[in-house]
């Protein structure tokens, strides 16, 4: 687990937890996918800065090693420091279990050490916002986010109105799918607050059937799974952008996706896992 405490400031005694200074910097972090992502926007219309690091061929993601360094780079790019951070936006997944935990643990620690407000949103929101949100290439048109879920499965999230800002709480997927695979699981506080499209799983071999079952036909699909299964999607009439950047999480899109979302206590920011972990405790293997 990432120990982010020493990297951030201890925080001024006069700053209440979750209350940032007027005109503060907003910092975004996402480690749900193999990419390590950070973004930041400054006060007064200062141009935002986004950074992404991708693992090389055959390499494992370097979230633990890279995340805080990227955060410091984007902060410096806005002219800010850790003392200027007033809001932290976290991508909550779905994605790899280890990757999500790195980002969430780091974000919680930074919020506690800086006194910044913390906001969590599902990672697909950033992907949808970039293409279907205001100013996107498919603004206002249905967007399907397709992520590689391993185990020969995909995570699918449908945004009927483009970006998450226009979703209005409409799940968009098949009625029997929800944000969590376990029907007995406790409700996720962040998912309830966000009330946006819910990701669900589909077998890779069943993608065509899953597309046909969607409540709204998507105009465009993005995400690493969309690239991998572009032929199936295009055969179903769904556009898949050629530009690889359209399929990667962008830190500034994550910030836009979280606009207007409420700040919550760090212990209420919980990952969006969708299904159980790949690893099984030894005691449960018998």
Foldseek 3Di string as FASTA:
>chain_A
DADQQVVAAQADPPQAAAAADPFFKEKEWEQQELKTKIKIDGGDPQDIDIDIDHDDVPDGRPNNPPRSVRRQVRCVVSVHGLLRHAEYEYAQDNHAPVRNVSRLVNQQSSSNRNSHFYAYDHQVLLLQCQAANVPHVNDQAKEWEWEDPPVQKIKIFIQHGGHQVPQQLDQQFAPVAFLAQDPPDDDQPNCVQSSGHHIAMDHNVCVLVRQVRTPHRGQEYAAPRCVVPVVSCVVVNHHYDPDNVSRDGINVSSVVSCPPGDGDNSVSHHHRHRYDHPDDDPVVVD
